[in-house]
Amino acid sequence: MMKKLLIAACVVSLAACSTTNPDTVQRRDAQSMSQVLDATVLSVRPVVVDGSQSGVGAVAGGIVGGLAGSSVGCYRDAQVASVLGAVAGAMLGNAIERSGTREDAVEVLVQLRNGERRAIVQARGGESISPGEPVVLITTGGKTRVTRAPVITTSKG
């Protein structure tokens, strides 16, 4: 019984995870027109996107800890252990959720063709971007991602 509750708590915690990976497009953004701006990369630096604390980890940990504590000793001891287990489980569940949703990312500083500068933080994707490279900023649904500009070749025919 306890093992099933622990597995359920882990599944619920993992379901709350999300990503800022530029290679992953959200379903709601599919078939949406995006704004595209040309830019040049000025700098790229590694950053860490702090993990989220939605409360799911704390609730799941509190339930598991409370149930584990309630099976200790006699009635009075079980009540105290249940409360302590719930508090400890909530703290542990919150910490697990936060570390599980943490991501290595990059902050990309770009200069648009009109001279404006923008900074975008995104998870590391499948392609690496270096200073001096031409890129495009793709904005969909209020979220912007940076990707290499496509190489356009002209054929003389």
C-alpha atoms as a PDB file:
ATOM      1  CA  MET A   1       0.000   0.000   0.000  1.00  0.00           C
ATOM      2  CA  MET A   2       2.731   2.452   1.014  1.00  0.00           C
ATOM      3  CA  LYS A   3       4.747   1.657  -2.119  1.00  0.00           C
ATOM      4  CA  LYS A   4       1.722   2.440  -4.330  1.00  0.00           C
ATOM      5  CA  LEU A   5       1.217   5.799  -2.586  1.00  0.00           C
ATOM      6  CA  LEU A   6       4.871   6.678  -3.044  1.00  0.00           C
ATOM      7  CA  ILE A   7       4.747   5.802  -6.737  1.00  0.00           C
ATOM      8  CA  ALA A   8       1.561   7.875  -7.164  1.00  0.00           C
ATOM      9  CA  ALA A   9       3.214  10.846  -5.439  1.00  0.00           C
ATOM     10  CA  CYS A  10       6.229  10.616  -7.760  1.00  0.00           C
ATOM     11  CA  VAL A  11       4.032  10.423 -10.867  1.00  0.00           C
ATOM     12  CA  VAL A  12       2.032  13.481  -9.784  1.00  0.00           C
ATOM     13  CA  SER A  13       5.239  15.402  -9.074  1.00  0.00           C
ATOM     14  CA  LEU A  14       6.756  14.555 -12.445  1.00  0.00           C
ATOM     15  CA  ALA A  15       3.560  15.517 -14.266  1.00  0.00           C
ATOM     16  CA  ALA A  16       3.996  19.056 -12.956  1.00  0.00           C
ATOM     17  CA  CYS A  17       7.380  19.396 -14.713  1.00  0.00           C
ATOM     18  CA  SER A  18       7.699  21.591 -17.771  1.00  0.00           C
ATOM     19  CA  THR A  19      10.493  22.582 -20.101  1.00  0.00           C
ATOM     20  CA  THR A  20      11.786  25.699 -21.800  1.00  0.00           C
ATOM     21  CA  ASN A  21      13.615  23.651 -24.433  1.00  0.00           C
ATOM     22  CA  PRO A  22      13.651  25.556 -27.745  1.00  0.00           C
ATOM     23  CA  ASP A  23      13.326  22.246 -29.618  1.00  0.00           C
ATOM     24  CA  THR A  24       9.972  21.486 -27.955  1.00  0.00           C
ATOM     25  CA  VAL A  25       6.860  23.260 -29.224  1.00  0.00           C
ATOM     26  CA  GLN A  26       3.751  23.293 -27.043  1.00  0.00           C
ATOM     27  CA  ARG A  27       0.636  21.748 -28.595  1.00  0.00           C
ATOM     28  CA  ARG A  28      -1.292  25.013 -28.276  1.00  0.00           C
ATOM     29  CA  ASP A  29       1.386  26.768 -30.387  1.00  0.00           C
ATOM     30  CA  ALA A  30       1.102  24.355 -33.313  1.00  0.00           C
ATOM     31  CA  GLN A  31      -0.458  25.909 -36.419  1.00  0.00           C
ATOM     32  CA  SER A  32      -0.141  29.390 -34.921  1.00  0.00           C
ATOM     33  CA  MET A  33       1.504  32.200 -36.831  1.00  0.00           C
ATOM     34  CA  SER A  34       4.623  33.484 -35.107  1.00  0.00           C
ATOM     35  CA  GLN A  35       6.495  36.761 -35.331  1.00  0.00           C
ATOM     36  CA  VAL A  36      10.037  36.302 -36.649  1.00  0.00           C
ATOM     37  CA  LEU A  37      12.831  38.860 -36.203  1.00  0.00           C
ATOM     38  CA  ASP A  38      16.345  38.689 -37.635  1.00  0.00           C
ATOM     39  CA  ALA A  39      19.210  39.310 -35.217  1.00  0.00           C
ATOM     40  CA  THR A  40      22.896  38.722 -34.574  1.00  0.00           C
ATOM     41  CA  VAL A  41      24.185  37.004 -31.434  1.00  0.00           C
ATOM     42  CA  LEU A  42      26.286  39.274 -29.210  1.00  0.00           C
ATOM     43  CA  SER A  43      26.901  36.804 -26.378  1.00  0.00           C
ATOM     44  CA  VAL A  44      25.781  33.478 -24.939  1.00  0.00           C
ATOM     45  CA  ARG A  45      26.237  32.570 -21.285  1.00  0.00           C
ATOM     46  CA  PRO A  46      25.173  29.546 -19.251  1.00  0.00           C
ATOM     47  CA  VAL A  47      22.487  30.103 -16.598  1.00  0.00           C
ATOM     48  CA  VAL A  48      20.250  27.889 -14.450  1.00  0.00           C
ATOM     49  CA  VAL A  49      16.461  28.206 -14.520  1.00  0.00           C
ATOM     50  CA  ASP A  50      15.354  27.734 -10.921  1.00  0.00           C
ATOM     51  CA  GLY A  51      12.891  24.921 -10.285  1.00  0.00           C
ATOM     52  CA  SER A  52       9.192  25.538  -9.750  1.00  0.00           C
ATOM     53  CA  GLN A  53       7.254  25.035  -6.541  1.00  0.00           C
ATOM     54  CA  SER A  54       3.673  24.383  -7.584  1.00  0.00           C
ATOM     55  CA  GLY A  55       2.833  22.729  -4.274  1.00  0.00           C
ATOM     56  CA  VAL A  56       2.264  19.318  -5.862  1.00  0.00           C
ATOM     57  CA  GLY A  57       5.506  17.960  -4.402  1.00  0.00           C
ATOM     58  CA  ALA A  58       4.715  19.314  -0.942  1.00  0.00           C
ATOM     59  CA  VAL A  59       1.197  17.875  -0.939  1.00  0.00           C
ATOM     60  CA  ALA A  60       2.310  14.469  -2.220  1.00  0.00           C
ATOM     61  CA  GLY A  61       5.212  14.367   0.250  1.00  0.00           C
ATOM     62  CA  GLY A  62       2.960  15.425   3.112  1.00  0.00           C
ATOM     63  CA  ILE A  63       0.458  12.662   2.364  1.00  0.00           C
ATOM     64  CA  VAL A  64       3.127   9.980   2.105  1.00  0.00           C
ATOM     65  CA  GLY A  65       4.933  11.247   5.232  1.00  0.00           C
ATOM     66  CA  GLY A  66       1.704  11.443   7.228  1.00  0.00           C
ATOM     67  CA  LEU A  67       0.683   7.920   6.255  1.00  0.00           C
ATOM     68  CA  ALA A  68       4.129   6.587   7.057  1.00  0.00           C
ATOM     69  CA  GLY A  69       4.127   8.299  10.452  1.00  0.00           C
ATOM     70  CA  SER A  70       0.640   7.038  11.345  1.00  0.00           C
ATOM     71  CA  SER A  71       1.864   3.446  11.362  1.00  0.00           C
ATOM     72  CA  VAL A  72       4.304   4.099  14.226  1.00  0.00           C
ATOM     73  CA  GLY A  73       3.657   2.701  17.714  1.00  0.00           C
ATOM     74  CA  CYS A  74       0.522   3.281  19.791  1.00  0.00           C
ATOM     75  CA  TYR A  75      -2.274   5.782  19.102  1.00  0.00           C
ATOM     76  CA  ARG A  76      -0.635   8.834  20.745  1.00  0.00           C
ATOM     77  CA  ASP A  77       2.796   8.096  19.248  1.00  0.00           C
ATOM     78  CA  ALA A  78       1.188   7.530  15.858  1.00  0.00           C
ATOM     79  CA  GLN A  79      -0.527  10.939  15.980  1.00  0.00           C
ATOM     80  CA  VAL A  80       2.722  12.755  16.758  1.00  0.00           C
ATOM     81  CA  ALA A  81       4.671  10.719  14.191  1.00  0.00           C
ATOM     82  CA  SER A  82       1.953  11.339  11.610  1.00  0.00           C
ATOM     83  CA  VAL A  83       2.202  15.128  12.033  1.00  0.00           C
ATOM     84  CA  LEU A  84       6.009  15.061  12.017  1.00  0.00           C
ATOM     85  CA  GLY A  85       5.997  12.727   9.014  1.00  0.00           C
ATOM     86  CA  ALA A  86       3.606  15.001   7.132  1.00  0.00           C
ATOM     87  CA  VAL A  87       5.748  18.083   7.783  1.00  0.00           C
ATOM     88  CA  ALA A  88       8.990  16.311   6.878  1.00  0.00           C
ATOM     89  CA  GLY A  89       7.373  14.729   3.816  1.00  0.00           C
ATOM     90  CA  ALA A  90       6.027  18.092   2.637  1.00  0.00           C
ATOM     91  CA  MET A  91       9.460  19.692   2.969  1.00  0.00           C
ATOM     92  CA  LEU A  92      11.138  16.810   1.177  1.00  0.00           C
ATOM     93  CA  GLY A  93       8.486  16.691  -1.552  1.00  0.00           C
ATOM     94  CA  ASN A  94       8.859  20.429  -2.155  1.00  0.00           C
ATOM     95  CA  ALA A  95      12.657  20.097  -2.420  1.00  0.00           C
ATOM     96  CA  ILE A  96      12.345  17.156  -4.827  1.00  0.00           C
ATOM     97  CA  GLU A  97       9.911  19.073  -7.031  1.00  0.00           C
ATOM     98  CA  ARG A  98      12.154  22.136  -7.073  1.00  0.00           C
ATOM     99  CA  SER A  99      15.304  20.199  -7.994  1.00  0.00           C
ATOM    100  CA  GLY A 100      13.430  18.053 -10.521  1.00  0.00           C
ATOM    101  CA  THR A 101      12.170  21.093 -12.448  1.00  0.00           C
ATOM    102  CA  ARG A 102      15.508  22.922 -12.469  1.00  0.00           C
ATOM    103  CA  GLU A 103      17.105  23.315 -15.919  1.00  0.00           C
ATOM    104  CA  ASP A 104      20.463  24.204 -17.394  1.00  0.00           C
ATOM    105  CA  ALA A 105      19.856  27.042 -19.822  1.00  0.00           C
ATOM    106  CA  VAL A 106      21.542  29.808 -21.797  1.00  0.00           C
ATOM    107  CA  GLU A 107      20.989  33.537 -21.868  1.00  0.00           C
ATOM    108  CA  VAL A 108      21.378  34.756 -25.455  1.00  0.00           C
ATOM    109  CA  LEU A 109      22.005  38.488 -25.967  1.00  0.00           C
ATOM    110  CA  VAL A 110      21.169  39.562 -29.516  1.00  0.00           C
ATOM    111  CA  GLN A 111      21.093  42.753 -31.561  1.00  0.00           C
ATOM    112  CA  LEU A 112      18.203  43.254 -33.942  1.00  0.00           C
ATOM    113  CA  ARG A 113      18.707  44.819 -37.375  1.00  0.00           C
ATOM    114  CA  ASN A 114      17.272  48.117 -36.093  1.00  0.00           C
ATOM    115  CA  GLY A 115      19.977  48.269 -33.385  1.00  0.00           C
ATOM    116  CA  GLU A 116      17.785  47.206 -30.439  1.00  0.00           C
ATOM    117  CA  ARG A 117      19.193  44.597 -28.097  1.00  0.00           C
ATOM    118  CA  ARG A 118      17.234  41.744 -26.521  1.00  0.00           C
ATOM    119  CA  ALA A 119      18.090  38.989 -24.059  1.00  0.00           C
ATOM    120  CA  ILE A 120      16.320  35.621 -24.141  1.00  0.00           C
ATOM    121  CA  VAL A 121      16.771  32.769 -21.653  1.00  0.00           C
ATOM    122  CA  GLN A 122      16.025  29.287 -22.950  1.00  0.00           C
ATOM    123  CA  ALA A 123      17.012  25.719 -22.137  1.00  0.00           C
ATOM    124  CA  ARG A 124      19.926  24.285 -24.021  1.00  0.00           C
ATOM    125  CA  GLY A 125      18.628  22.928 -27.286  1.00  0.00           C
ATOM    126  CA  GLY A 126      20.028  20.640 -29.934  1.00  0.00           C
ATOM    127  CA  GLU A 127      21.999  23.405 -31.644  1.00  0.00           C
ATOM    128  CA  SER A 128      24.688  25.594 -30.143  1.00  0.00           C
ATOM    129  CA  ILE A 129      24.673  29.300 -30.904  1.00  0.00           C
ATOM    130  CA  SER A 130      27.854  31.402 -30.925  1.00  0.00           C
ATOM    131  CA  PRO A 131      28.528  35.147 -30.893  1.00  0.00           C
ATOM    132  CA  GLY A 132      28.490  36.687 -34.367  1.00  0.00           C
ATOM    133  CA  GLU A 133      26.025  34.154 -35.787  1.00  0.00           C
ATOM    134  CA  PRO A 134      22.842  35.264 -37.533  1.00  0.00           C
ATOM    135  CA  VAL A 135      19.737  34.028 -35.687  1.00  0.00           C
ATOM    136  CA  VAL A 136      15.988  34.479 -35.748  1.00  0.00           C
ATOM    137  CA  LEU A 137      13.819  35.239 -32.747  1.00  0.00           C
ATOM    138  CA  ILE A 138      10.541  33.351 -33.034  1.00  0.00           C
ATOM    139  CA  THR A 139       7.757  34.659 -30.799  1.00  0.00           C
ATOM    140  CA  THR A 140       4.588  32.600 -30.376  1.00  0.00           C
ATOM    141  CA  GLY A 141       2.017  33.084 -27.648  1.00  0.00           C
ATOM    142  CA  GLY A 142       4.217  35.552 -25.767  1.00  0.00           C
ATOM    143  CA  LYS A 143       7.212  33.179 -25.603  1.00  0.00           C
ATOM    144  CA  THR A 144      10.358  33.769 -27.634  1.00  0.00           C
ATOM    145  CA  ARG A 145      12.986  31.254 -28.698  1.00  0.00           C
ATOM    146  CA  VAL A 146      16.268  31.755 -30.530  1.00  0.00           C
ATOM    147  CA  THR A 147      17.398  29.549 -33.390  1.00  0.00           C
ATOM    148  CA  ARG A 148      19.975  29.781 -36.166  1.00  0.00           C
ATOM    149  CA  ALA A 149      18.858  31.761 -39.189  1.00  0.00           C
ATOM    150  CA  PRO A 150      18.210  29.587 -42.199  1.00  0.00           C
ATOM    151  CA  VAL A 151      20.842  29.776 -44.920  1.00  0.00           C
ATOM    152  CA  ILE A 152      19.274  31.144 -48.076  1.00  0.00           C
ATOM    153  CA  THR A 153      20.946  30.276 -51.338  1.00  0.00           C
ATOM    154  CA  THR A 154      20.063  31.954 -54.583  1.00  0.00           C
ATOM    155  CA  SER A 155      20.284  29.919 -57.718  1.00  0.00           C
ATOM    156  CA  LYS A 156      21.072  31.601 -60.975  1.00  0.00           C
ATOM    157  CA  GLY A 157      19.190  29.958 -63.657  1.00  0.00           C
END
